[in-house]
């Protein structure tokens, strides 16, 4: 067990708690390594991750969310009831990528996102109103899930009352693509995945009949009488990804960011007293605790990274969470500093053509969330009678439960 690469397992309890000492050792000793446990080549250094992100010819994004190239036969049998492939923006290469991203550019333009600020703030306040007098809450379950979940429902044009069901299906999709759960659980999740595809199929056909001012209407394919240069399969898969991406990053940002502030009370007080510090603080939160641990790539030709040869057809995992703490890129990389000058250089939203199209929305939601929580909950702190519970996913880093307390206003 002296080989650091043999210890890599994002699902291990110690790495759910704090994987960063191992990542630092990997960057020093085994910056690119093969993990037989996951049948993956793991890339840990900032420069190598950036190279992979920018070179779409050598590193394909098709299957970027899938830990394994082929699902288990029992899982595959369930998935055969739906689409043979999951085709979405994050899982596409040029030239398809440009065609799909053009649709997203229209759907998530700056004007549309900016216009959402009053709705986001009102939603955050309504959620806080629901627990304000209690003096304690679960930040994740009572706020951080619901805020971005409701907002992405509004943008897609689906009822907020469907959010809980969509969230369960989205969790099924995440678990299925991580391929780390027992087969029985993967099979169950595959059924949820199929249910989610059928839900969005029905929604898109409803928009074909009755167009609205929402993102699903913009995704209706030309073949169905809409405007999007997408197949029906692409439209459905991108609607599913929009829901997942629309809440996962922000949920992780709010939970991880508040955790970091709790551990640095002087910085918590600084952003409470001066909310203008929040935009840069959010960039630093995304750097220090990236909500997305990384993405997968397929190696298209024998290639070399940091002196290591990756064979054609291999699966690679670009570990954002390690690159964001690379000593060659960030001074004292393990130190959380809301005033860090180079914070924006983080990898949490990717690089190159796959830079997250929803990043401005996530940062807007995060800023409003921290503003309202810190303004309305005096003495906000971590509860001592209950422990935080991390999320048990390969790709995602964050909390399932984060117990908080505050001084109830008189």
Protein backbone atom coordinates (compact mmCIF):
# COMPACT_ATOMS: atom_id res chain seq x y z
CA UNK A 1 0.00 0.00 0.00
CA UNK A 2 2.99 2.34 -0.34
CA UNK A 3 1.85 3.15 -3.87
CA UNK A 4 -0.46 6.16 -3.51
CA UNK A 5 -2.43 5.17 -6.62
CA UNK A 6 -3.56 1.92 -4.96
CA UNK A 7 -5.33 3.98 -2.30
CA UNK A 8 -7.49 5.97 -4.74
CA UNK A 9 -11.16 5.33 -3.99
CA UNK A 10 -13.48 8.36 -3.83
CA UNK A 11 -16.08 6.21 -2.06
CA UNK A 12 -13.80 5.28 0.87
CA UNK A 13 -14.85 6.97 4.15
CA UNK A 14 -11.54 8.76 4.64
CA UNK A 15 -11.67 10.15 1.09
CA UNK A 16 -15.30 11.21 1.44
CA UNK A 17 -14.06 13.12 4.48
CA UNK A 18 -10.78 14.56 3.16
CA UNK A 19 -9.17 13.24 -0.03
CA UNK A 20 -6.76 16.15 -0.50
CA UNK A 21 -3.64 14.79 1.23
CA UNK A 22 -3.84 11.75 -1.06
CA UNK A 23 -4.38 13.97 -4.12
CA UNK A 24 -1.28 16.01 -3.21
CA UNK A 25 0.77 12.85 -2.93
CA UNK A 26 -0.58 11.60 -6.27
CA UNK A 27 0.39 14.85 -8.00
CA UNK A 28 3.92 14.40 -6.68
CA UNK A 29 4.37 10.66 -7.17
CA UNK A 30 1.80 9.35 -9.66
CA UNK A 31 0.24 12.30 -11.53
CA UNK A 32 -1.31 9.98 -14.13
CA UNK A 33 -2.05 6.41 -13.02
CA UNK A 34 -4.21 3.39 -13.79
CA UNK A 35 -6.82 2.34 -11.21
CA UNK A 36 -7.70 -1.34 -11.64
CA UNK A 37 -10.51 -0.90 -9.10
CA UNK A 38 -12.35 1.43 -11.48
CA UNK A 39 -10.64 0.50 -14.77
CA UNK A 40 -9.70 4.16 -15.20
CA UNK A 41 -6.63 6.27 -15.91
CA UNK A 42 -6.76 9.13 -13.39
CA UNK A 43 -5.28 12.55 -14.26
CA UNK A 44 -4.43 14.72 -11.25
CA UNK A 45 -2.35 17.75 -12.32
CA UNK A 46 -3.82 21.06 -13.45
CA UNK A 47 -1.74 21.27 -16.65
CA UNK A 48 -2.59 17.74 -17.73
CA UNK A 49 -6.29 18.22 -16.98
CA UNK A 50 -6.27 21.42 -19.04
CA UNK A 51 -4.57 19.60 -21.91
CA UNK A 52 -7.20 16.86 -21.87
CA UNK A 53 -10.04 19.39 -21.72
CA UNK A 54 -8.75 21.32 -24.73
CA UNK A 55 -7.79 18.37 -26.96
CA UNK A 56 -11.12 16.95 -28.08
CA UNK A 57 -9.49 14.94 -30.88
CA UNK A 58 -7.40 12.82 -28.50
CA UNK A 59 -9.86 12.82 -25.60
CA UNK A 60 -13.50 12.29 -26.49
CA UNK A 61 -16.29 13.56 -24.23
CA UNK A 62 -18.77 10.96 -25.47
CA UNK A 63 -19.66 9.08 -22.29
CA UNK A 64 -18.23 11.87 -20.10
CA UNK A 65 -20.69 11.02 -17.32
CA UNK A 66 -20.23 7.25 -17.46
CA UNK A 67 -17.73 5.57 -15.17
CA UNK A 68 -17.81 2.43 -17.29
CA UNK A 69 -18.00 2.09 -21.07
CA UNK A 70 -20.61 -0.70 -20.84
CA UNK A 71 -23.23 -1.17 -18.11
CA UNK A 72 -23.86 -4.52 -16.45
CA UNK A 73 -26.06 -6.84 -18.62
CA UNK A 74 -28.98 -6.62 -16.17
CA UNK A 75 -28.77 -2.83 -16.28
CA UNK A 76 -28.44 -2.84 -20.05
CA UNK A 77 -31.64 -4.91 -20.32
CA UNK A 78 -33.59 -2.19 -18.50
CA UNK A 79 -31.97 0.62 -20.48
CA UNK A 80 -32.98 -1.15 -23.71
CA UNK A 81 -36.51 0.10 -22.99
CA UNK A 82 -35.28 3.61 -23.81
CA UNK A 83 -32.45 5.19 -25.76
CA UNK A 84 -29.34 3.25 -26.73
CA UNK A 85 -27.10 6.25 -25.85
CA UNK A 86 -27.27 9.30 -23.62
CA UNK A 87 -26.63 12.21 -25.98
CA UNK A 88 -26.13 15.57 -24.29
CA UNK A 89 -24.01 18.70 -24.49
CA UNK A 90 -21.48 17.57 -21.90
CA UNK A 91 -21.18 14.21 -23.69
CA UNK A 92 -20.59 15.49 -27.23
CA UNK A 93 -17.58 16.28 -29.41
CA UNK A 94 -17.20 18.65 -32.35
CA UNK A 95 -18.97 19.18 -34.69
CA UNK A 96 -22.07 18.02 -32.74
CA UNK A 97 -21.01 20.02 -29.70
CA UNK A 98 -21.25 23.40 -31.46
CA UNK A 99 -24.71 22.55 -32.81
CA UNK A 100 -26.03 21.60 -29.38
CA UNK A 101 -24.30 24.43 -27.50
CA UNK A 102 -25.89 27.01 -29.81
CA UNK A 103 -29.28 25.92 -28.46
CA UNK A 104 -28.06 26.31 -24.88
CA UNK A 105 -26.57 29.70 -25.64
CA UNK A 106 -30.01 30.91 -26.62
CA UNK A 107 -31.68 29.21 -23.66
CA UNK A 108 -29.26 30.47 -20.99
CA UNK A 109 -28.29 33.88 -22.29
CA UNK A 110 -27.16 36.62 -19.90
CA UNK A 111 -30.40 38.57 -20.19
CA UNK A 112 -32.55 35.58 -19.23
CA UNK A 113 -30.33 34.72 -16.26
CA UNK A 114 -30.15 38.31 -14.99
CA UNK A 115 -33.94 38.56 -15.13
CA UNK A 116 -34.16 35.59 -12.76
CA UNK A 117 -32.61 37.45 -9.79
CA UNK A 118 -35.90 38.64 -8.20
CA UNK A 119 -37.41 35.15 -8.49
CA UNK A 120 -34.29 33.51 -7.02
CA UNK A 121 -34.24 35.96 -4.11
CA UNK A 122 -37.97 35.51 -3.42
CA UNK A 123 -37.58 31.73 -3.53
CA UNK A 124 -34.61 31.82 -1.13
CA UNK A 125 -36.57 34.02 1.29
CA UNK A 126 -39.63 31.76 1.12
CA UNK A 127 -37.52 28.73 1.97
CA UNK A 128 -35.86 30.55 4.89
CA UNK A 129 -39.30 31.67 6.11
CA UNK A 130 -40.20 27.99 6.39
CA UNK A 131 -37.60 27.31 9.10
CA UNK A 132 -36.61 30.77 10.39
CA UNK A 133 -38.35 30.39 13.78
CA UNK A 134 -37.00 26.88 14.39
CA UNK A 135 -33.45 27.91 15.22
CA UNK A 136 -32.08 24.87 13.40
CA UNK A 137 -32.36 23.18 10.03
CA UNK A 138 -30.70 20.82 7.58
CA UNK A 139 -29.15 23.27 5.13
CA UNK A 140 -29.09 20.73 2.30
CA UNK A 141 -32.50 19.12 2.65
CA UNK A 142 -34.41 22.29 3.56
CA UNK A 143 -32.65 24.85 1.39
CA UNK A 144 -29.71 23.93 -0.86
CA UNK A 145 -31.60 21.24 -2.82
CA UNK A 146 -34.81 23.18 -3.16
CA UNK A 147 -33.51 26.60 -4.23
CA UNK A 148 -31.77 25.57 -7.48
CA UNK A 149 -34.29 22.75 -7.97
CA UNK A 150 -37.22 25.17 -8.02
CA UNK A 151 -35.36 27.61 -10.27
CA UNK A 152 -34.41 25.00 -12.88
CA UNK A 153 -38.03 23.77 -12.84
CA UNK A 154 -39.13 27.35 -13.55
CA UNK A 155 -36.64 27.68 -16.41
CA UNK A 156 -37.58 24.34 -17.93
CA UNK A 157 -41.26 25.15 -17.49
CA UNK A 158 -42.21 22.13 -15.37
CA UNK A 159 -44.24 22.36 -12.14
CA UNK A 160 -42.28 22.98 -8.94
CA UNK A 161 -44.40 20.21 -7.45
CA UNK A 162 -42.53 17.76 -9.72
CA UNK A 163 -39.14 18.78 -8.30
CA UNK A 164 -38.91 16.04 -5.65
CA UNK A 165 -39.69 13.29 -8.14
CA UNK A 166 -37.30 14.73 -10.71
CA UNK A 167 -34.61 14.92 -8.03
CA UNK A 168 -35.06 11.24 -7.19
CA UNK A 169 -34.81 10.31 -10.85
CA UNK A 170 -31.78 12.56 -11.27
CA UNK A 171 -30.11 10.80 -8.32
CA UNK A 172 -30.89 7.50 -10.07
CA UNK A 173 -29.14 8.83 -13.17
CA UNK A 174 -26.07 9.89 -11.14
CA UNK A 175 -25.85 6.58 -9.33
CA UNK A 176 -26.32 4.64 -12.56
CA UNK A 177 -23.59 6.50 -14.42
CA UNK A 178 -21.17 6.22 -11.49
CA UNK A 179 -21.56 2.40 -11.72
CA UNK A 180 -20.27 1.88 -8.15
CA UNK A 181 -23.49 0.70 -6.44
CA UNK A 182 -24.53 -2.95 -6.09
CA UNK A 183 -26.08 -4.34 -9.29
CA UNK A 184 -29.54 -4.58 -7.72
CA UNK A 185 -29.44 -0.87 -6.91
CA UNK A 186 -28.16 -0.04 -10.39
CA UNK A 187 -31.07 -1.97 -11.92
CA UNK A 188 -33.53 -0.04 -9.74
CA UNK A 189 -31.87 3.22 -10.77
CA UNK A 190 -32.09 2.23 -14.42
CA UNK A 191 -35.88 2.07 -14.06
CA UNK A 192 -35.81 5.61 -12.61
CA UNK A 193 -33.64 6.74 -15.51
CA UNK A 194 -36.16 5.35 -18.02
CA UNK A 195 -39.02 7.05 -16.15
CA UNK A 196 -37.19 10.38 -16.38
CA UNK A 197 -36.67 10.02 -20.14
CA UNK A 198 -40.38 9.33 -20.61
CA UNK A 199 -41.31 12.33 -18.46
CA UNK A 200 -39.30 14.69 -20.65
CA UNK A 201 -40.52 13.03 -23.84
CA UNK A 202 -44.06 13.84 -22.77
CA UNK A 203 -43.09 17.39 -21.79
CA UNK A 204 -41.47 18.05 -25.19
CA UNK A 205 -44.51 16.72 -27.06
CA UNK A 206 -46.69 18.96 -24.90
CA UNK A 207 -44.52 21.96 -25.93
CA UNK A 208 -44.90 20.93 -29.57
CA UNK A 209 -48.65 21.22 -29.17
CA UNK A 210 -48.60 24.25 -26.88
CA UNK A 211 -45.35 26.29 -27.02
CA UNK A 212 -44.42 28.40 -23.98
CA UNK A 213 -41.73 30.84 -22.91
CA UNK A 214 -39.49 28.18 -21.37
CA UNK A 215 -36.36 26.18 -22.06
CA UNK A 216 -38.22 23.01 -23.03
CA UNK A 217 -39.92 24.87 -25.86
CA UNK A 218 -36.49 26.00 -27.09
CA UNK A 219 -35.40 22.33 -27.06
CA UNK A 220 -38.29 21.07 -29.23
CA UNK A 221 -36.61 19.59 -32.35
CA UNK A 222 -37.27 20.86 -35.83
CA UNK A 223 -38.56 17.38 -36.69
CA UNK A 224 -41.37 17.95 -34.18
CA UNK A 225 -42.14 21.44 -35.44
CA UNK A 226 -39.79 23.28 -33.08
CA UNK A 227 -36.68 25.34 -33.71
CA UNK A 228 -33.86 23.26 -32.20
CA UNK A 229 -31.42 21.48 -34.56
CA UNK A 230 -31.61 18.39 -32.33
CA UNK A 231 -32.96 14.88 -32.61
CA UNK A 232 -35.74 13.97 -30.20
CA UNK A 233 -33.26 11.79 -28.31
CA UNK A 234 -30.82 14.69 -27.98
CA UNK A 235 -33.61 17.01 -26.82
CA UNK A 236 -34.73 14.60 -24.10
CA UNK A 237 -31.19 13.85 -22.91
CA UNK A 238 -30.30 17.54 -22.77
CA UNK A 239 -33.47 18.33 -20.82
CA UNK A 240 -32.43 15.67 -18.28
CA UNK A 241 -28.91 17.08 -18.10
CA UNK A 242 -30.26 20.62 -17.71
CA UNK A 243 -32.22 19.54 -14.66
CA UNK A 244 -29.24 17.71 -13.14
CA UNK A 245 -26.68 20.41 -13.91
CA UNK A 246 -29.16 23.10 -12.90
CA UNK A 247 -29.23 21.96 -9.30
CA UNK A 248 -26.25 19.71 -8.54
CA UNK A 249 -23.52 22.35 -8.82
CA UNK A 250 -25.45 24.98 -6.87
CA UNK A 251 -26.49 22.53 -4.15
CA UNK A 252 -22.84 21.54 -3.74
CA UNK A 253 -21.68 25.15 -3.85
CA UNK A 254 -24.07 26.21 -1.07
CA UNK A 255 -23.30 23.24 1.17
CA UNK A 256 -19.56 23.12 0.58
CA UNK A 257 -19.23 26.89 0.72
CA UNK A 258 -21.07 27.21 4.02
CA UNK A 259 -18.93 24.39 5.45
CA UNK A 260 -15.79 26.29 4.47
CA UNK A 261 -17.10 29.49 6.05
CA UNK A 262 -17.96 27.65 9.27
CA UNK A 263 -14.34 26.46 9.44
CA UNK A 264 -13.09 30.04 8.87
CA UNK A 265 -15.34 32.18 11.13
CA UNK A 266 -13.40 35.39 10.48
CA UNK A 267 -14.07 35.00 6.76
CA UNK A 268 -17.73 34.23 7.45
CA UNK A 269 -18.00 37.50 9.35
CA UNK A 270 -16.20 39.33 6.55
CA UNK A 271 -18.73 38.28 3.89
CA UNK A 272 -21.62 38.88 6.27
CA UNK A 273 -20.44 42.46 6.85
CA UNK A 274 -19.43 43.06 3.23
CA UNK A 275 -21.47 41.04 0.70
CA UNK A 276 -19.41 42.57 -2.13
CA UNK A 277 -16.76 39.97 -1.16
CA UNK A 278 -19.11 37.14 -2.13
CA UNK A 279 -18.40 36.87 -5.89
CA UNK A 280 -14.72 36.14 -5.30
CA UNK A 281 -15.52 34.07 -2.21
CA UNK A 282 -17.73 31.87 -4.39
CA UNK A 283 -14.90 31.34 -6.88
CA UNK A 284 -12.67 30.27 -3.99
CA UNK A 285 -15.35 27.93 -2.63
CA UNK A 286 -15.57 26.30 -6.07
CA UNK A 287 -11.79 25.92 -6.13
CA UNK A 288 -11.31 24.50 -2.64
CA UNK A 289 -14.34 22.17 -2.67
CA UNK A 290 -15.43 21.60 -6.29
CA UNK A 291 -19.00 20.17 -6.32
CA UNK A 292 -18.11 18.06 -9.39
CA UNK A 293 -15.09 15.89 -8.57
CA UNK A 294 -14.28 15.41 -12.27
CA UNK A 295 -15.44 14.03 -15.61
CA UNK A 296 -14.62 11.02 -17.75
CA UNK A 297 -12.98 10.97 -21.19
CA UNK A 298 -12.24 8.28 -23.76
CA UNK A 299 -8.70 8.14 -25.16
CA UNK A 300 -8.95 8.17 -28.98
CA UNK A 301 -5.30 7.35 -29.78
CA UNK A 302 -2.26 6.19 -27.84
CA UNK A 303 -1.09 9.30 -26.04
CA UNK A 304 1.27 10.47 -23.30
CA UNK A 305 0.59 12.65 -20.25
CA UNK A 306 3.32 13.41 -17.69
CA UNK A 307 5.43 10.65 -19.20
CA UNK A 308 2.70 8.02 -18.89
CA UNK A 309 1.25 6.33 -21.98
CA UNK A 310 -2.53 5.96 -22.12
CA UNK A 311 -3.69 3.37 -24.67
CA UNK A 312 -6.30 4.01 -27.32
CA UNK A 313 -9.77 3.12 -26.05
CA UNK A 314 -8.88 3.65 -22.39
CA UNK A 315 -11.17 5.53 -20.04
CA UNK A 316 -9.70 8.54 -18.24
CA UNK A 317 -10.95 10.54 -15.27
CA UNK A 318 -9.84 14.17 -15.05
CA UNK A 319 -9.78 14.97 -11.34
CA UNK A 320 -10.79 18.63 -11.01
CA UNK A 321 -10.68 18.33 -7.22
CA UNK A 322 -6.95 17.64 -7.43
CA UNK A 323 -6.12 20.16 -10.15
CA UNK A 324 -7.80 22.90 -8.12
CA UNK A 325 -5.17 22.40 -5.41
CA UNK A 326 -2.15 22.06 -7.68
CA UNK A 327 0.84 23.74 -6.03
CA UNK A 328 2.16 24.92 -9.40
CA UNK A 329 -0.98 26.97 -9.97
CA UNK A 330 -2.09 28.22 -6.55
CA UNK A 331 -0.09 29.61 -3.63
CA UNK A 332 -0.79 27.63 -0.45
CA UNK A 333 -3.47 25.70 -2.33
CA UNK A 334 -5.04 24.07 0.73
CA UNK A 335 -5.73 27.46 2.34
CA UNK A 336 -9.26 28.85 1.91
CA UNK A 337 -8.98 32.57 1.19
CA UNK A 338 -12.05 34.52 0.03
CA UNK A 339 -9.74 37.29 -1.24
CA UNK A 340 -7.48 34.98 -3.28
CA UNK A 341 -6.46 36.80 -6.47
CA UNK A 342 -6.20 33.68 -8.66
CA UNK A 343 -9.39 31.98 -7.41
CA UNK A 344 -11.12 32.30 -10.79
CA UNK A 345 -8.56 29.99 -12.37
CA UNK A 346 -10.26 26.97 -10.82
CA UNK A 347 -11.43 24.00 -12.89
CA UNK A 348 -14.81 23.50 -11.22
CA UNK A 349 -16.71 24.52 -14.37
CA UNK A 350 -14.29 22.88 -16.79
CA UNK A 351 -12.22 24.53 -19.53
CA UNK A 352 -12.30 24.93 -23.27
CA UNK A 353 -15.43 24.15 -25.28
CA UNK A 354 -16.95 22.28 -22.34
CA UNK A 355 -16.83 25.22 -19.92
CA UNK A 356 -20.17 24.99 -18.09
CA UNK A 357 -22.86 26.92 -19.95
CA UNK A 358 -24.81 27.31 -16.68
CA UNK A 359 -21.93 28.74 -14.64
CA UNK A 360 -23.39 32.30 -14.48
CA UNK A 361 -26.70 30.95 -13.16
CA UNK A 362 -24.99 28.78 -10.52
CA UNK A 363 -22.91 31.71 -9.29
CA UNK A 364 -25.95 34.01 -9.19
CA UNK A 365 -27.93 31.46 -7.17
CA UNK A 366 -24.97 30.94 -4.86
CA UNK A 367 -24.47 34.66 -4.25
CA UNK A 368 -28.14 35.21 -3.43
CA UNK A 369 -28.23 32.12 -1.20
CA UNK A 370 -25.27 33.28 0.91
CA UNK A 371 -26.56 36.87 1.05
CA UNK A 372 -29.96 35.83 2.38
CA UNK A 373 -28.76 33.10 4.74
CA UNK A 374 -26.13 35.33 6.34
CA UNK A 375 -28.44 38.34 6.51
CA UNK A 376 -31.46 36.57 7.96
CA UNK A 377 -29.90 33.94 10.25
CA UNK A 378 -27.86 35.72 12.96
CA UNK A 379 -25.16 33.65 14.61
CA UNK A 380 -25.37 31.04 11.85
CA UNK A 381 -23.22 28.06 12.81
CA UNK A 382 -22.74 24.33 12.45
CA UNK A 383 -24.76 22.26 14.91
CA UNK A 384 -22.75 20.20 17.36
CA UNK A 385 -25.42 17.59 18.19
CA UNK A 386 -25.55 16.12 14.66
CA UNK A 387 -22.76 15.35 12.23
CA UNK A 388 -22.71 16.36 8.56
CA UNK A 389 -23.24 13.46 6.16
CA UNK A 390 -21.26 13.43 2.87
CA UNK A 391 -22.84 12.46 -0.45
CA UNK A 392 -21.73 8.92 -1.45
CA UNK A 393 -21.14 9.53 -5.16
CA UNK A 394 -18.04 9.00 -7.30
CA UNK A 395 -18.41 12.19 -9.36
CA UNK A 396 -20.08 14.55 -6.89
CA UNK A 397 -18.55 16.02 -3.74
CA UNK A 398 -20.82 17.58 -1.17
CA UNK A 399 -23.18 16.88 1.70
CA UNK A 400 -26.38 14.90 1.97
CA UNK A 401 -27.06 16.55 5.33
CA UNK A 402 -25.50 19.68 6.86
CA UNK A 403 -27.10 20.54 10.24
CA UNK A 404 -27.08 24.27 11.06
CA UNK A 405 -28.28 26.46 13.91
CA UNK A 406 -28.71 30.19 14.51
CA UNK A 407 -30.09 32.67 17.04
CA UNK A 408 -33.83 32.98 16.50
CA UNK A 409 -34.71 36.63 15.88
CA UNK A 410 -36.83 38.19 18.59
